[in-house]
Amino acid sequence: MKFFHFQKNKLFFLSIALALLSSCANVVTPTGGPKDVAAPMVQKCEPVNSSTNFKSKSVRIYFDEFVALNEISNNVIISPPIKSIPDFKIKGKSVAFEIKDSLKENATYSINFGNSIVDITENNPIKNFSYVFSTGNFVDSLSYKGKIVNAQSLKAEKDIFVMLYKNDIDSLPLKEMPYYIAKTDLDGNFLFRNIATGKYKLFAIKDLNNNFIFDQLEEQIAFSDTLISPIFSDSVKLEIKIDSLKKGLDSLKKDSTVSLSNNESVFKLFAETDTSQKVVRTSILEKGKMMIVFKQSITNTQIESLTPEINLNDQIIEKCKTNDSLIFWMPKVEKDSIYLLIKVENKIIDTLSISLKAPQKREVKKEVAKPKLSIICSAKNGLNYDYFNPISFEFGHPLSKFEFEKVILVEEKDTLKSEVAFSDKIQRKLKIGNKLKEGKNYTLFIPPTTFTDIFGLTNDTLKVSFKTRLKKEYGTFKFKVTLPLGEENKNFILQLFNATDKLISEKYLNSSQTVFYDFLEQGSYKMKLIEDDNKNMKWDSGKYIKKLQ
């Protein structure tokens, strides 16, 4: 993703305060020498590190200074996994532990301590120290490394368990513990060391219950389309002197080296889409207003009334913006309850019994003014307004009566003929179609009782004065999208986001073309191009069993 920045010319002044130093001597406390920044060093291991024909149950690692254990449960990774995690203990300048489980035959084990072993003075960690041993005649020495990123944002994902399986059976991550395991660091990188020769199924998981099994739909996963093959560690890095590089790498510092790898892959983490539908909750927001919230989109959901006196075709039903909930406006229903049948693609998934009684409000003794119909206007008093956006209204309830001719819009001193129309089917939202001009003063006036809702409530007086912004206050962005040879006639989704990841624009492309964005506010933007393989004009998640990334 590239970032584009629009900024008006500004003049910045840097104010620097200078502190005058006195020539008088000050008495200070001795510092006690330089700060300790060195990590503990391993002196010896019993049994020795990289032991073969390992049969010991007790292990002790000695250091050159006193150490402590920091977040041992979050840092230590044992590969292949064992059922009972050892109880790690501090003994003087050493760490000791017991291996309680029986171990696999002819297998190389690696206990990576991460950053959990620190000195007791400054908490300096010995980074990624591993104790390795083999129950066979030799220690496996192959390795494999990669990176896990978020499938939507492409940002690195930390603390993701990456697992290897010896068999190519798709159900393994759903049923069995892996043979090898690693964990991603802050940059999303993972590294397997001491792997045996062979081909492995790779599966990664954001494990919510720490059992190394993909058994919860909420767990995010990543996987390799093909079996992976580890290589010798010595061949992971290929060093090339900058002096020998051709044109194109001259931006790198002289005398530095570039580390290349033919064994590093990027895997994208995603959460599978939950397609099961159910009712999450129902509520009576006020008398005559009922809401039903569903788990998923209601695109294929049907609702039928089992109460003969209530015909849903006679009610006003509003679909919410998120497309997963419905509001039922029922001003004339006098029943205390309603029974509903919920279907998905004509299959019954639920039956509901809903009380239609409005929530009880605390009684107030003093006389209360009759409630009014609420109006939310897109234009606000005293605020600058985007002249290219039409003025819009949203009412508290759907309208039953309206007198558009009473709506008055004044530009400077000229009264305009207001072009008012509904922008939805249930008559709850309005737009004024008059095109506004840049840099002009406007006044909007709506007298009382102009609008009446389905409950008989009317609006109060509304008067809004505002000014439209100038065109030069916005930025424009124009560029050409050139699709590679062979990609023409494929579907793509081009998205524009602001600095807070809010979607600003979405365009659909199937050919190379020039794209133009107008009326952009100053700031940073980023863009995303999505290949739309199934042509449904949206980003889709994957499905492991179907091998869909």
Protein backbone atom coordinates (compact mmCIF):
# COMPACT_ATOMS: atom_id res chain seq x y z
CA MET A 1 0.00 0.00 0.00
CA LYS A 2 1.24 3.51 -0.81
CA PHE A 3 0.32 6.60 1.15
CA PHE A 4 -0.67 9.87 -0.53
CA HIS A 5 -0.75 13.15 1.38
CA PHE A 6 -2.69 16.32 0.55
CA GLN A 7 -1.72 19.36 2.59
CA LYS A 8 -2.30 23.06 2.15
CA ASN A 9 0.81 25.20 2.24
CA LYS A 10 1.56 26.15 5.81
CA LEU A 11 4.30 28.07 7.51
CA PHE A 12 5.66 26.46 10.64
CA PHE A 13 7.64 28.25 13.32
CA LEU A 14 9.96 26.27 15.57
CA SER A 15 10.40 27.74 19.01
CA ILE A 16 13.54 26.65 20.84
CA ALA A 17 14.08 27.40 24.51
CA LEU A 18 17.69 27.73 25.61
CA ALA A 19 18.64 26.88 29.19
CA LEU A 20 21.41 29.01 30.68
CA LEU A 21 23.90 26.90 32.59
CA SER A 22 25.33 28.23 35.82
CA SER A 23 29.06 27.98 36.37
CA CYS A 24 28.53 26.94 39.97
CA ALA A 25 29.55 23.40 40.87
CA ASN A 26 26.82 20.95 41.90
CA VAL A 27 27.23 18.01 44.27
CA VAL A 28 26.06 14.77 42.58
CA THR A 29 25.77 11.18 43.73
CA PRO A 30 28.26 8.72 42.15
CA THR A 31 26.67 6.74 39.34
CA GLY A 32 28.22 3.42 40.35
CA GLY A 33 29.57 2.62 36.90
CA PRO A 34 27.98 1.94 33.49
CA LYS A 35 24.59 0.29 33.24
CA ASP A 36 24.55 -3.48 32.73
CA VAL A 37 23.23 -4.14 29.22
CA ALA A 38 24.76 -7.58 28.66
CA ALA A 39 22.52 -10.63 28.51
CA PRO A 40 23.30 -13.72 30.60
CA MET A 41 25.64 -16.22 28.93
CA VAL A 42 25.30 -19.99 29.05
CA GLN A 43 28.28 -21.64 30.80
CA LYS A 44 27.28 -25.28 30.43
CA CYS A 45 24.30 -27.63 30.14
CA GLU A 46 23.72 -30.98 31.85
CA PRO A 47 23.22 -33.04 29.68
CA VAL A 48 25.14 -31.05 27.06
CA ASN A 49 23.15 -29.08 24.49
CA SER A 50 22.53 -31.03 21.25
CA SER A 51 22.88 -34.36 23.04
CA THR A 52 22.06 -37.55 21.14
CA ASN A 53 20.52 -40.78 22.48
CA PHE A 54 18.95 -38.60 25.15
CA LYS A 55 17.49 -40.57 28.08
CA SER A 56 17.75 -38.12 30.97
CA LYS A 57 14.70 -36.81 32.82
CA SER A 58 16.51 -33.89 34.48
CA VAL A 59 18.09 -30.92 32.69
CA ARG A 60 20.08 -28.05 34.19
CA ILE A 61 21.41 -24.98 32.36
CA TYR A 62 24.13 -22.89 34.05
CA PHE A 63 24.71 -19.15 33.42
CA ASP A 64 27.48 -16.66 34.23
CA GLU A 65 25.21 -14.62 36.54
CA PHE A 66 22.07 -14.91 38.59
CA VAL A 67 18.96 -15.16 36.40
CA ALA A 68 15.19 -15.00 36.72
CA LEU A 69 12.29 -16.37 34.67
CA ASN A 70 9.95 -13.90 32.99
CA GLU A 71 6.52 -14.97 31.62
CA ILE A 72 7.74 -18.51 31.09
CA SER A 73 4.31 -19.81 29.98
CA ASN A 74 4.05 -17.21 27.18
CA ASN A 75 7.62 -17.59 25.93
CA VAL A 76 8.64 -21.26 26.04
CA ILE A 77 7.89 -23.30 22.91
CA ILE A 78 8.60 -27.06 22.95
CA SER A 79 8.75 -28.78 19.58
CA PRO A 80 7.53 -31.45 19.03
CA PRO A 81 4.90 -30.59 21.67
CA ILE A 82 4.69 -32.64 24.87
CA LYS A 83 1.61 -33.05 27.05
CA SER A 84 3.05 -31.97 30.41
CA ILE A 85 4.98 -28.68 30.36
CA PRO A 86 8.05 -28.98 32.64
CA ASP A 87 8.15 -27.05 35.89
CA PHE A 88 11.09 -24.65 35.32
CA LYS A 89 12.90 -23.62 38.51
CA ILE A 90 15.72 -21.24 39.40
CA LYS A 91 18.63 -22.83 41.31
CA GLY A 92 21.35 -20.26 41.97
CA LYS A 93 22.82 -19.28 38.61
CA SER A 94 20.97 -22.04 36.77
CA VAL A 95 17.58 -23.08 35.39
CA ALA A 96 16.50 -26.66 36.08
CA PHE A 97 13.52 -28.70 34.90
CA GLU A 98 12.19 -32.24 34.78
CA ILE A 99 10.82 -33.98 31.66
CA LYS A 100 7.82 -36.01 32.83
CA ASP A 101 6.43 -37.26 29.49
CA SER A 102 7.68 -40.20 27.47
CA LEU A 103 9.44 -38.97 24.32
CA LYS A 104 9.21 -40.10 20.70
CA GLU A 105 11.91 -42.43 19.40
CA ASN A 106 14.55 -41.03 17.03
CA ALA A 107 13.16 -37.52 17.36
CA THR A 108 14.93 -34.18 17.79
CA TYR A 109 13.38 -31.93 20.47
CA SER A 110 13.87 -28.19 20.77
CA ILE A 111 12.96 -26.16 23.88
CA ASN A 112 13.04 -22.50 22.89
CA PHE A 113 12.94 -20.14 25.88
CA GLY A 114 12.15 -17.01 23.84
CA ASN A 115 12.97 -13.99 26.03
CA SER A 116 12.00 -15.64 29.32
CA ILE A 117 15.48 -15.96 30.85
CA VAL A 118 16.71 -12.58 32.15
CA ASP A 119 19.39 -11.34 34.54
CA ILE A 120 18.22 -10.18 37.97
CA THR A 121 19.84 -6.72 37.77
CA GLU A 122 18.46 -5.10 34.61
CA ASN A 123 16.15 -7.83 33.19
CA ASN A 124 18.38 -8.24 30.12
CA PRO A 125 17.06 -11.32 28.27
CA ILE A 126 19.07 -14.00 26.55
CA LYS A 127 17.13 -13.95 23.29
CA ASN A 128 15.72 -17.12 21.74
CA PHE A 129 18.00 -19.54 23.57
CA SER A 130 17.16 -23.15 22.68
CA TYR A 131 18.05 -26.38 24.44
CA VAL A 132 18.13 -29.16 21.84
CA PHE A 133 18.44 -32.92 22.22
CA SER A 134 17.74 -36.05 20.19
CA THR A 135 16.42 -39.43 21.32
CA GLY A 136 18.18 -40.94 18.29
CA ASN A 137 21.75 -41.15 16.98
CA PHE A 138 21.83 -37.64 15.44
CA VAL A 139 20.30 -34.17 15.79
CA ASP A 140 18.13 -33.07 12.88
CA SER A 141 19.49 -29.88 11.33
CA LEU A 142 17.03 -28.68 8.70
CA SER A 143 15.11 -25.41 9.02
CA TYR A 144 12.17 -23.53 7.56
CA LYS A 145 11.17 -19.90 8.00
CA GLY A 146 8.34 -17.64 6.89
CA LYS A 147 6.04 -14.80 7.82
CA ILE A 148 2.36 -14.54 8.87
CA VAL A 149 0.38 -11.44 7.84
CA ASN A 150 -3.26 -10.44 8.14
CA ALA A 151 -5.10 -11.31 4.92
CA GLN A 152 -7.03 -8.02 4.79
CA SER A 153 -4.53 -5.47 6.09
CA LEU A 154 -1.30 -7.34 5.18
CA LYS A 155 0.08 -6.27 8.56
CA ALA A 156 2.36 -8.65 10.49
CA GLU A 157 0.64 -10.94 13.01
CA LYS A 158 2.47 -11.67 16.27
CA ASP A 159 2.03 -14.61 18.69
CA ILE A 160 0.62 -16.93 16.02
CA PHE A 161 1.36 -20.63 16.43
CA VAL A 162 2.75 -22.17 13.24
CA MET A 163 2.54 -25.96 13.08
CA LEU A 164 3.95 -28.72 10.90
CA TYR A 165 2.40 -32.16 10.36
CA LYS A 166 4.12 -35.20 8.88
CA ASN A 167 1.05 -36.49 7.04
CA ASP A 168 -0.88 -34.80 4.23
CA ILE A 169 -4.31 -35.28 5.80
CA ASP A 170 -6.57 -32.22 5.76
CA SER A 171 -8.30 -33.11 9.03
CA LEU A 172 -5.07 -33.16 11.09
CA PRO A 173 -5.24 -29.51 12.32
CA LEU A 174 -8.83 -30.19 13.45
CA LYS A 175 -8.02 -33.36 15.40
CA GLU A 176 -4.35 -33.91 16.27
CA MET A 177 -1.39 -32.12 17.84
CA PRO A 178 1.31 -31.00 15.37
CA TYR A 179 4.72 -32.64 15.06
CA TYR A 180 6.64 -29.35 15.13
CA ILE A 181 5.58 -25.96 16.44
CA ALA A 182 6.90 -22.38 16.26
CA LYS A 183 5.57 -18.93 17.19
CA THR A 184 5.68 -15.63 15.31
CA ASP A 185 7.58 -12.65 16.70
CA LEU A 186 6.54 -8.96 16.69
CA ASP A 187 7.25 -8.76 12.95
CA GLY A 188 5.23 -11.88 12.13
CA ASN A 189 8.33 -13.99 11.42
CA PHE A 190 8.65 -17.62 12.46
CA LEU A 191 11.54 -20.07 12.27
CA PHE A 192 11.64 -23.85 12.59
CA ARG A 193 15.02 -25.34 13.49
CA ASN A 194 16.17 -28.94 13.93
CA ILE A 195 13.58 -30.44 11.56
CA ALA A 196 13.91 -33.90 10.06
CA THR A 197 14.04 -34.50 6.31
CA GLY A 198 10.61 -34.77 4.69
CA LYS A 199 7.59 -32.89 3.42
CA TYR A 200 5.17 -31.25 5.85
CA LYS A 201 1.68 -29.80 5.98
CA LEU A 202 1.87 -26.23 7.35
CA PHE A 203 -0.99 -24.75 9.36
CA ALA A 204 -1.02 -21.57 11.51
CA ILE A 205 -3.57 -20.56 14.12
CA LYS A 206 -4.39 -17.76 16.52
CA ASP A 207 -5.15 -20.29 19.21
CA LEU A 208 -7.86 -19.05 21.58
CA ASN A 209 -7.84 -22.05 23.93
CA ASN A 210 -4.13 -23.01 23.66
CA ASN A 211 -4.72 -26.61 22.60
CA PHE A 212 -3.02 -26.39 19.16
CA ILE A 213 -6.26 -27.62 17.52
CA PHE A 214 -8.49 -25.67 15.12
CA ASP A 215 -11.72 -26.26 17.01
CA GLN A 216 -13.28 -22.79 17.24
CA LEU A 217 -14.69 -20.88 14.29
CA GLU A 218 -13.48 -17.60 15.82
CA GLU A 219 -9.85 -18.74 15.60
CA GLN A 220 -7.95 -17.12 12.74
CA ILE A 221 -5.91 -19.46 10.56
CA ALA A 222 -3.42 -19.58 7.70
CA PHE A 223 -2.21 -22.57 5.72
CA SER A 224 0.05 -23.62 2.86
CA ASP A 225 -1.54 -24.80 -0.39
CA THR A 226 1.23 -27.35 -0.86
CA LEU A 227 3.54 -29.40 1.35
CA ILE A 228 6.65 -27.53 2.48
CA SER A 229 10.22 -28.86 2.48
CA PRO A 230 12.81 -27.68 5.03
CA ILE A 231 16.40 -27.01 3.99
CA PHE A 232 19.85 -26.94 5.63
CA SER A 233 20.31 -23.90 7.86
CA ASP A 234 23.60 -22.96 6.19
CA SER A 235 21.81 -22.37 2.89
CA VAL A 236 19.13 -20.06 4.30
CA LYS A 237 21.18 -16.89 3.83
CA LEU A 238 22.95 -15.76 0.68
CA GLU A 239 25.19 -12.73 1.19
CA ILE A 240 25.84 -10.35 -1.71
CA LYS A 241 28.14 -7.36 -1.41
CA ILE A 242 26.49 -4.12 -2.48
CA ASP A 243 29.48 -3.28 -4.67
CA SER A 244 28.59 -6.19 -6.95
CA LEU A 245 24.91 -5.34 -7.27
CA LYS A 246 23.64 -3.83 -10.48
CA LYS A 247 21.76 -0.55 -10.84
CA GLY A 248 18.62 -0.48 -8.76
CA LEU A 249 20.09 -1.19 -5.34
CA ASP A 250 22.25 1.93 -5.06
CA SER A 251 19.87 3.30 -2.41
CA LEU A 252 21.25 0.77 0.08
CA LYS A 253 24.18 1.75 2.29
CA LYS A 254 27.63 0.96 1.01
CA ASP A 255 29.44 -2.08 2.47
CA SER A 256 26.17 -3.52 3.79
CA THR A 257 24.93 -6.99 2.87
CA VAL A 258 21.60 -8.25 1.64
CA SER A 259 20.20 -11.49 3.07
CA LEU A 260 18.23 -13.45 0.50
CA SER A 261 16.28 -16.63 1.12
CA ASN A 262 14.80 -19.21 -1.20
CA ASN A 263 12.93 -20.72 1.73
CA GLU A 264 10.88 -17.81 3.10
CA SER A 265 7.16 -17.69 2.37
CA VAL A 266 4.34 -15.38 3.42
CA PHE A 267 1.07 -16.87 4.69
CA LYS A 268 -2.14 -14.88 5.12
CA LEU A 269 -4.16 -15.16 8.31
CA PHE A 270 -7.97 -15.03 8.14
CA ALA A 271 -11.10 -16.05 10.03
CA GLU A 272 -13.53 -18.32 8.22
CA THR A 273 -16.98 -16.89 7.63
CA ASP A 274 -19.64 -18.20 9.98
CA THR A 275 -22.61 -18.99 7.73
CA SER A 276 -24.95 -20.31 10.44
CA GLN A 277 -27.91 -18.01 11.06
CA LYS A 278 -29.73 -17.42 14.33
CA VAL A 279 -31.50 -14.67 16.26
CA VAL A 280 -29.09 -12.94 18.63
CA ARG A 281 -31.64 -10.82 20.51
CA THR A 282 -35.01 -9.13 20.30
CA SER A 283 -36.06 -5.92 22.01
CA ILE A 284 -38.92 -3.41 22.21
CA LEU A 285 -37.22 -0.03 21.86
CA GLU A 286 -40.46 1.89 22.44
CA LYS A 287 -44.17 1.34 21.97
CA GLY A 288 -44.74 0.25 18.38
CA LYS A 289 -41.01 -0.24 17.63
CA MET A 290 -39.51 -3.74 17.76
CA MET A 291 -35.97 -4.79 16.77
CA ILE A 292 -34.65 -8.25 15.86
CA VAL A 293 -30.86 -8.72 15.60
CA PHE A 294 -29.46 -11.69 13.67
CA LYS A 295 -26.05 -13.33 13.74
CA GLN A 296 -25.54 -13.03 9.99
CA SER A 297 -26.80 -10.99 7.06
CA ILE A 298 -30.55 -11.36 6.54
CA THR A 299 -30.29 -11.70 2.75
CA ASN A 300 -31.76 -15.24 2.69
CA THR A 301 -33.87 -14.91 5.85
CA GLN A 302 -37.69 -15.02 5.83
CA ILE A 303 -39.98 -14.01 8.72
CA GLU A 304 -43.62 -15.08 9.08
CA SER A 305 -46.20 -14.06 11.68
CA LEU A 306 -47.90 -16.89 13.60
CA THR A 307 -50.25 -14.38 15.24
CA PRO A 308 -53.37 -14.24 13.00
CA GLU A 309 -54.26 -10.66 14.03
CA ILE A 310 -50.86 -9.31 12.92
CA ASN A 311 -50.05 -9.33 9.21
CA LEU A 312 -46.41 -8.39 8.60
CA ASN A 313 -47.31 -7.09 5.13
CA ASP A 314 -49.27 -4.31 6.85
CA GLN A 315 -46.29 -3.26 8.99
CA ILE A 316 -43.36 -0.99 8.15
CA ILE A 317 -40.13 -2.99 8.22
CA GLU A 318 -36.75 -1.25 8.09
CA LYS A 319 -33.46 -2.98 7.34
CA CYS A 320 -30.49 -1.54 9.27
CA LYS A 321 -27.27 -0.43 7.58
CA THR A 322 -25.34 -3.46 8.80
CA ASN A 323 -27.90 -5.73 7.06
CA ASP A 324 -28.05 -8.01 10.11
CA SER A 325 -31.03 -6.50 11.94
CA LEU A 326 -34.62 -5.38 11.31
CA ILE A 327 -36.80 -2.72 12.89
CA PHE A 328 -40.56 -3.32 12.88
CA TRP A 329 -42.70 -0.16 13.09
CA MET A 330 -46.18 -1.24 14.29
CA PRO A 331 -48.16 1.86 15.41
CA LYS A 332 -51.59 0.22 15.11
CA VAL A 333 -50.86 -3.15 16.74
CA GLU A 334 -52.66 -3.50 20.09
CA LYS A 335 -51.66 -7.08 20.90
CA ASP A 336 -49.43 -7.70 23.92
CA SER A 337 -47.27 -10.24 22.11
CA ILE A 338 -46.39 -11.65 18.70
CA TYR A 339 -45.24 -15.10 17.56
CA LEU A 340 -42.78 -15.24 14.64
CA LEU A 341 -41.38 -18.03 12.50
CA ILE A 342 -37.79 -17.52 11.23
CA LYS A 343 -36.64 -19.31 8.07
CA VAL A 344 -33.38 -19.37 6.11
CA GLU A 345 -33.81 -20.45 2.50
CA ASN A 346 -37.24 -21.85 3.49
CA LYS A 347 -35.80 -23.95 6.34
CA ILE A 348 -37.14 -23.19 9.84
CA ILE A 349 -34.33 -22.13 12.21
CA ASP A 350 -36.28 -20.56 15.08
CA THR A 351 -39.66 -19.57 16.51
CA LEU A 352 -39.98 -16.44 18.64
CA SER A 353 -42.46 -15.28 21.24
CA ILE A 354 -41.96 -11.54 21.76
CA SER A 355 -43.73 -9.33 24.28
CA LEU A 356 -44.80 -6.06 22.64
CA LYS A 357 -45.11 -4.16 25.90
CA ALA A 358 -42.96 -1.01 25.92
CA PRO A 359 -40.33 -0.62 28.64
CA GLN A 360 -41.83 0.95 31.77
CA LYS A 361 -40.65 4.47 32.44
CA ARG A 362 -40.40 5.94 35.90
CA GLU A 363 -43.42 8.10 36.67
CA VAL A 364 -42.85 11.85 36.76
CA LYS A 365 -45.35 13.88 38.76
CA LYS A 366 -44.79 17.23 37.06
CA GLU A 367 -46.50 17.88 33.73
CA VAL A 368 -44.33 16.90 30.76
CA ALA A 369 -44.53 18.61 27.36
CA LYS A 370 -45.89 16.50 24.50
CA PRO A 371 -42.98 14.76 22.70
CA LYS A 372 -41.93 16.05 19.31
CA LEU A 373 -40.76 14.32 16.16
CA SER A 374 -36.96 14.37 16.19
CA ILE A 375 -35.00 15.49 13.11
CA ILE A 376 -31.28 14.98 12.46
CA CYS A 377 -29.97 17.33 9.77
CA SER A 378 -26.63 16.82 7.98
CA ALA A 379 -26.00 20.61 8.09
CA LYS A 380 -25.18 22.17 11.47
CA ASN A 381 -25.38 25.75 12.68
CA GLY A 382 -22.15 27.69 12.18
CA LEU A 383 -20.25 24.79 10.59
CA ASN A 384 -18.72 24.71 7.12
CA TYR A 385 -20.52 22.28 4.81
CA ASP A 386 -19.33 20.27 1.80
CA TYR A 387 -21.12 22.04 -1.04
CA PHE A 388 -21.14 18.92 -3.25
CA ASN A 389 -23.15 16.91 -0.67
CA PRO A 390 -26.94 17.40 -0.68
CA ILE A 391 -28.60 18.36 2.61
CA SER A 392 -30.17 15.28 4.21
CA PHE A 393 -32.54 14.55 7.10
CA GLU A 394 -33.27 11.50 9.24
CA PHE A 395 -36.45 11.42 11.34
CA GLY A 396 -37.04 9.56 14.59
CA HIS A 397 -39.98 7.65 13.02
CA PRO A 398 -41.33 7.05 9.50
CA LEU A 399 -43.56 9.86 8.24
CA SER A 400 -47.25 9.61 7.41
CA LYS A 401 -47.85 13.26 6.40
CA PHE A 402 -45.55 15.92 4.96
CA GLU A 403 -45.74 19.35 3.37
CA PHE A 404 -42.56 19.78 1.35
CA GLU A 405 -43.61 23.24 0.13
CA LYS A 406 -43.06 24.60 3.66
CA VAL A 407 -39.32 23.81 3.56
CA ILE A 408 -37.43 27.06 2.88
CA LEU A 409 -33.82 27.25 1.66
CA VAL A 410 -32.17 30.67 1.37
CA GLU A 411 -28.88 31.23 -0.53
CA GLU A 412 -27.33 34.50 0.66
CA LYS A 413 -30.52 36.63 0.32
CA ASP A 414 -32.28 34.62 -2.41
CA THR A 415 -35.04 32.15 -1.46
CA LEU A 416 -34.75 28.96 -3.52
CA LYS A 417 -37.48 26.55 -4.50
CA SER A 418 -36.64 23.53 -2.37
CA GLU A 419 -36.33 20.19 -4.20
CA VAL A 420 -37.30 17.80 -1.38
CA ALA A 421 -37.73 14.03 -1.86
CA PHE A 422 -37.56 10.82 0.16
CA SER A 423 -34.35 8.78 -0.14
CA ASP A 424 -35.75 5.55 1.36
CA LYS A 425 -38.85 3.37 1.00
CA ILE A 426 -40.27 3.77 4.51
CA GLN A 427 -40.32 7.59 4.37
CA ARG A 428 -37.86 8.19 7.19
CA LYS A 429 -35.07 9.89 5.26
CA LEU A 430 -35.16 13.03 3.08
CA LYS A 431 -32.79 14.87 0.77
CA ILE A 432 -32.86 18.38 -0.64
CA GLY A 433 -31.80 18.09 -4.27
CA ASN A 434 -30.76 21.73 -4.74
CA LYS A 435 -27.13 21.97 -5.83
CA LEU A 436 -25.22 24.13 -3.38
CA LYS A 437 -22.53 26.57 -4.46
CA GLU A 438 -19.09 26.92 -2.94
CA GLY A 439 -18.38 29.68 -0.45
CA LYS A 440 -22.01 30.73 0.02
CA ASN A 441 -24.10 31.41 3.14
CA TYR A 442 -27.26 29.33 3.46
CA THR A 443 -30.22 29.27 5.83
CA LEU A 444 -32.59 26.32 6.10
CA PHE A 445 -35.96 26.87 7.76
CA ILE A 446 -38.65 24.27 8.53
CA PRO A 447 -41.74 25.56 10.41
CA PRO A 448 -43.50 23.43 13.06
CA THR A 449 -45.99 20.69 12.02
CA THR A 450 -44.43 20.42 8.55
CA PHE A 451 -43.95 16.68 9.14
CA THR A 452 -46.15 14.16 10.98
CA ASP A 453 -44.95 10.65 11.81
CA ILE A 454 -46.88 7.36 12.00
CA PHE A 455 -47.49 7.90 15.74
CA GLY A 456 -49.00 11.36 15.20
CA LEU A 457 -45.95 13.31 16.44
CA THR A 458 -45.01 16.54 14.64
CA ASN A 459 -41.74 18.41 14.31
CA ASP A 460 -40.72 21.56 16.12
CA THR A 461 -39.20 24.60 14.36
CA LEU A 462 -35.87 23.89 12.67
CA LYS A 463 -33.53 26.69 11.57
CA VAL A 464 -29.97 26.02 10.44
CA SER A 465 -27.47 28.60 9.16
CA PHE A 466 -24.23 27.40 7.57
CA LYS A 467 -21.60 28.25 4.96
CA THR A 468 -20.27 26.01 2.21
CA ARG A 469 -16.56 25.38 1.83
CA LEU A 470 -14.43 26.48 -1.13
CA LYS A 471 -13.30 24.06 -3.82
CA LYS A 472 -9.64 24.95 -3.22
CA GLU A 473 -9.93 23.49 0.29
CA TYR A 474 -10.05 19.98 -1.23
CA GLY A 475 -7.46 17.85 -2.96
CA THR A 476 -7.81 15.81 -6.16
CA PHE A 477 -6.00 12.62 -7.11
CA LYS A 478 -5.69 11.17 -10.59
CA PHE A 479 -3.69 8.13 -11.66
CA LYS A 480 -3.72 5.28 -14.15
CA VAL A 481 -4.28 1.64 -13.24
CA THR A 482 -2.48 -0.61 -15.71
CA LEU A 483 -3.38 -4.27 -15.36
CA PRO A 484 -0.61 -6.77 -16.26
CA LEU A 485 -0.80 -8.68 -19.51
CA GLY A 486 -3.32 -11.50 -19.13
CA GLU A 487 -5.18 -9.79 -16.29
CA GLU A 488 -7.46 -7.79 -18.58
CA ASN A 489 -11.17 -8.73 -18.36
CA LYS A 490 -10.68 -9.99 -14.81
CA ASN A 491 -12.62 -8.28 -12.04
CA PHE A 492 -10.87 -6.04 -9.50
CA ILE A 493 -12.03 -3.95 -6.54
CA LEU A 494 -10.13 -0.70 -5.97
CA GLN A 495 -10.55 0.75 -2.46
CA LEU A 496 -9.46 4.10 -1.05
CA PHE A 497 -9.02 4.50 2.73
CA ASN A 498 -8.15 7.47 4.90
CA ALA A 499 -5.51 7.43 7.65
CA THR A 500 -7.94 5.88 10.16
CA ASP A 501 -8.80 3.01 7.76
CA LYS A 502 -12.25 4.39 6.95
CA LEU A 503 -13.39 3.35 3.47
CA ILE A 504 -13.74 6.51 1.35
CA SER A 505 -14.40 5.05 -2.08
CA GLU A 506 -14.83 1.70 -3.82
CA LYS A 507 -14.57 1.25 -7.58
CA TYR A 508 -14.87 -1.85 -9.76
CA LEU A 509 -12.42 -2.39 -12.62
CA ASN A 510 -12.02 -4.98 -15.36
CA SER A 511 -9.60 -3.10 -17.61
CA SER A 512 -6.71 -0.66 -17.47
CA GLN A 513 -8.07 2.84 -16.95
CA THR A 514 -7.55 6.25 -15.42
CA VAL A 515 -9.04 6.68 -11.96
CA PHE A 516 -9.99 10.10 -10.59
CA TYR A 517 -10.82 11.10 -7.01
CA ASP A 518 -12.20 14.56 -6.26
CA PHE A 519 -13.05 16.47 -3.08
CA LEU A 520 -10.48 14.75 -0.89
CA GLU A 521 -9.74 16.43 2.43
CA GLN A 522 -6.11 17.07 3.24
CA GLY A 523 -4.45 14.09 4.89
CA SER A 524 -2.96 10.68 4.18
CA TYR A 525 -4.69 7.99 2.13
CA LYS A 526 -3.98 4.40 1.21
CA MET A 527 -5.29 2.17 -1.55
CA LYS A 528 -6.03 -1.52 -1.90
CA LEU A 529 -6.58 -3.52 -5.08
CA ILE A 530 -8.46 -6.83 -4.68
CA GLU A 531 -8.75 -9.46 -7.39
CA ASP A 532 -12.41 -10.50 -7.41
CA ASP A 533 -12.21 -14.11 -8.60
CA ASN A 534 -15.85 -15.04 -7.96
CA LYS A 535 -17.17 -11.70 -9.27
CA ASN A 536 -19.38 -10.98 -6.27
CA MET A 537 -17.95 -7.46 -5.86
CA LYS A 538 -16.71 -7.99 -2.28
CA TRP A 539 -13.73 -9.39 -0.37
CA ASP A 540 -14.34 -13.00 0.71
CA SER A 541 -12.74 -14.94 3.52
CA GLY A 542 -11.26 -18.42 3.00
CA LYS A 543 -12.26 -21.97 3.90
CA TYR A 544 -9.60 -24.44 5.01
CA ILE A 545 -11.39 -27.71 4.20
CA LYS A 546 -12.13 -26.44 0.69
CA LYS A 547 -8.52 -25.17 0.42
CA LEU A 548 -9.74 -21.64 -0.28
CA GLN A 549 -7.31 -18.94 0.74
